[in-house]
Each structure stands twice: as structure tokens, then as C-alpha cells.
Amino acid sequence: MYIYNVTVNIEESVHPEWLVWIEQHILDVLATGHFVSAKMTEVLVEEEMGGKTYSIQYTANTREDLDKYYEQDATKLRNAGMKKFADKMLAFRTELKVINEFYPTTSNN
């Protein structure tokens, strides 16, 4: 599995509007069919630059799914956000490969 992580810092002045927009944007990314799920989290660190920071994590089953997203949909979807929020939003992207997942075990003592 692969995680496509997008970390976004958004200025307070457009924060409420962005929150509405990002929910639809996440659904649009999922609608491409390249990801099986998405998770949005707030980063709990105060940024020197201000604003609020979020991490959106899209999960893809294969590297090929992620590559197809880049080839077919990423540019259009990224440009939509940049056009709407321009210099009020800063985003960077990270790719992660899941090596293993661990869960707590339950014991019946």
C-alpha cells in the first residue's frame, strides 16, 4: 500500500471557505478511482507563519495506482486549489510506502 500525503497550511482569512472546499476536493480525488480511502487530520503544531495546517492522506493499493493519478488527474486537481486559494495556501506532498501495520493484541487474562 502507498500513502500520498498532502500537507497544507491555510491562512486564517480563508480557513472556513477552505474547509468546505477541501471536503469536496477529497471526494473528487477519491472519485478518480486511484485511491481506496482518505483521511484528513489537523497538524497540532503552531506554525511560525500562522494559519492552520492539515494533512490529507490518500491510500492507494499499488504504485501503479499512484502513478496513474499523477498522469491522469493530479495536475487538474492541484490547479483547482491553487487557482482558488493562490497565495493563501501552501502545500507540499510526500509519498509513503507502507511496510507493515501493527495493532494491539488483546489478552484474556
Protein backbone atom coordinates (compact mmCIF):
# COMPACT_ATOMS: atom_id res chain seq x y z
CA MET A 1 0.00 0.00 0.00
CA TYR A 2 1.04 3.57 -0.63
CA ILE A 3 0.08 6.78 1.11
CA TYR A 4 0.02 10.02 -0.82
CA ASN A 5 0.26 12.67 1.89
CA VAL A 6 -0.58 16.30 1.18
CA THR A 7 0.30 18.74 3.96
CA VAL A 8 -1.43 22.10 3.62
CA ASN A 9 -1.06 25.35 5.54
CA ILE A 10 -4.03 27.65 5.00
CA GLU A 11 -4.33 31.28 6.08
CA GLU A 12 -6.93 32.10 8.72
CA SER A 13 -8.63 34.61 6.39
CA VAL A 14 -9.83 31.81 4.06
CA HIS A 15 -9.86 28.93 6.52
CA PRO A 16 -13.68 28.48 6.76
CA GLU A 17 -14.06 28.60 2.97
CA TRP A 18 -11.14 26.20 2.50
CA LEU A 19 -12.64 23.66 4.95
CA VAL A 20 -15.78 23.46 2.83
CA TRP A 21 -13.77 23.28 -0.40
CA ILE A 22 -11.30 20.62 0.81
CA GLU A 23 -14.03 18.15 1.70
CA GLN A 24 -15.34 18.25 -1.87
CA HIS A 25 -11.78 18.18 -3.22
CA ILE A 26 -11.04 14.99 -1.26
CA LEU A 27 -14.18 13.39 -2.70
CA ASP A 28 -13.07 14.49 -6.19
CA VAL A 29 -9.66 12.87 -5.68
CA LEU A 30 -11.30 9.65 -4.46
CA ALA A 31 -13.65 9.74 -7.47
CA THR A 32 -10.64 9.30 -9.77
CA GLY A 33 -10.64 5.65 -8.70
CA HIS A 34 -6.92 5.61 -7.89
CA PHE A 35 -7.31 5.62 -4.09
CA VAL A 36 -9.22 3.39 -1.70
CA SER A 37 -9.57 5.85 1.18
CA ALA A 38 -8.60 9.25 2.52
CA LYS A 39 -8.01 10.64 5.98
CA MET A 40 -7.83 14.32 6.92
CA THR A 41 -6.05 15.35 10.11
CA GLU A 42 -5.17 18.66 11.72
CA VAL A 43 -1.47 19.08 12.47
CA LEU A 44 -1.20 20.06 16.13
CA VAL A 45 1.84 22.30 15.85
CA GLU A 46 1.74 26.08 15.83
CA GLU A 47 3.37 27.33 12.67
CA GLU A 48 5.57 30.43 12.82
CA MET A 49 3.88 31.62 9.64
CA GLY A 50 0.46 31.31 11.29
CA GLY A 51 -2.59 29.74 9.73
CA LYS A 52 -3.77 26.18 10.25
CA THR A 53 -2.04 23.09 8.96
CA TYR A 54 -3.68 19.87 7.82
CA SER A 55 -2.52 16.53 6.47
CA ILE A 56 -4.65 14.70 3.93
CA GLN A 57 -3.59 11.09 3.44
CA TYR A 58 -4.82 9.21 0.39
CA THR A 59 -4.27 5.43 0.38
CA ALA A 60 -3.52 3.63 -2.90
CA ASN A 61 -3.29 -0.14 -3.26
CA THR A 62 -0.38 -0.08 -5.71
CA ARG A 63 2.40 2.12 -7.01
CA GLU A 64 0.72 1.91 -10.40
CA ASP A 65 -2.47 3.45 -8.97
CA LEU A 66 -0.45 6.35 -7.61
CA ASP A 67 1.40 6.80 -10.91
CA LYS A 68 -1.89 6.79 -12.83
CA TYR A 69 -3.22 9.51 -10.53
CA TYR A 70 -0.17 11.65 -11.34
CA GLU A 71 -0.50 11.00 -15.08
CA GLN A 72 -4.27 11.42 -15.42
CA ASP A 73 -5.64 13.66 -12.67
CA ALA A 74 -3.11 15.33 -10.36
CA THR A 75 -2.39 18.46 -12.40
CA LYS A 76 -6.05 19.37 -12.90
CA LEU A 77 -6.96 18.77 -9.25
CA ARG A 78 -3.91 20.62 -7.89
CA ASN A 79 -4.52 23.60 -10.15
CA ALA A 80 -8.10 23.92 -8.90
CA GLY A 81 -6.86 24.57 -5.37
CA MET A 82 -4.06 26.89 -6.44
CA LYS A 83 -6.45 28.92 -8.60
CA LYS A 84 -8.99 29.28 -5.80
CA PHE A 85 -6.61 29.97 -2.88
CA ALA A 86 -3.44 31.16 -4.67
CA ASP A 87 -1.00 32.65 -2.15
CA LYS A 88 -3.24 31.88 0.86
CA MET A 89 -2.36 28.17 0.73
CA LEU A 90 0.97 26.38 0.88
CA ALA A 91 1.08 22.66 0.14
CA PHE A 92 3.74 20.00 -0.06
CA ARG A 93 3.42 16.36 -0.91
CA THR A 94 5.06 13.20 0.40
CA GLU A 95 4.83 9.62 -0.79
CA LEU A 96 4.96 6.83 1.78
CA LYS A 97 5.18 3.08 1.24
CA VAL A 98 3.51 1.01 3.95
CA ILE A 99 5.93 -1.69 5.07
CA ASN A 100 3.88 -3.19 7.87
CA GLU A 101 0.95 -2.34 10.10
CA PHE A 102 0.73 -3.23 13.77
CA TYR A 103 -2.31 -3.48 16.02
CA PRO A 104 -2.54 -4.12 19.74
CA THR A 105 -3.23 -7.66 20.74
CA THR A 106 -5.95 -8.44 23.20
CA SER A 107 -5.18 -10.72 26.09
CA ASN A 108 -7.72 -12.71 28.02
CA ASN A 109 -6.12 -12.82 31.47
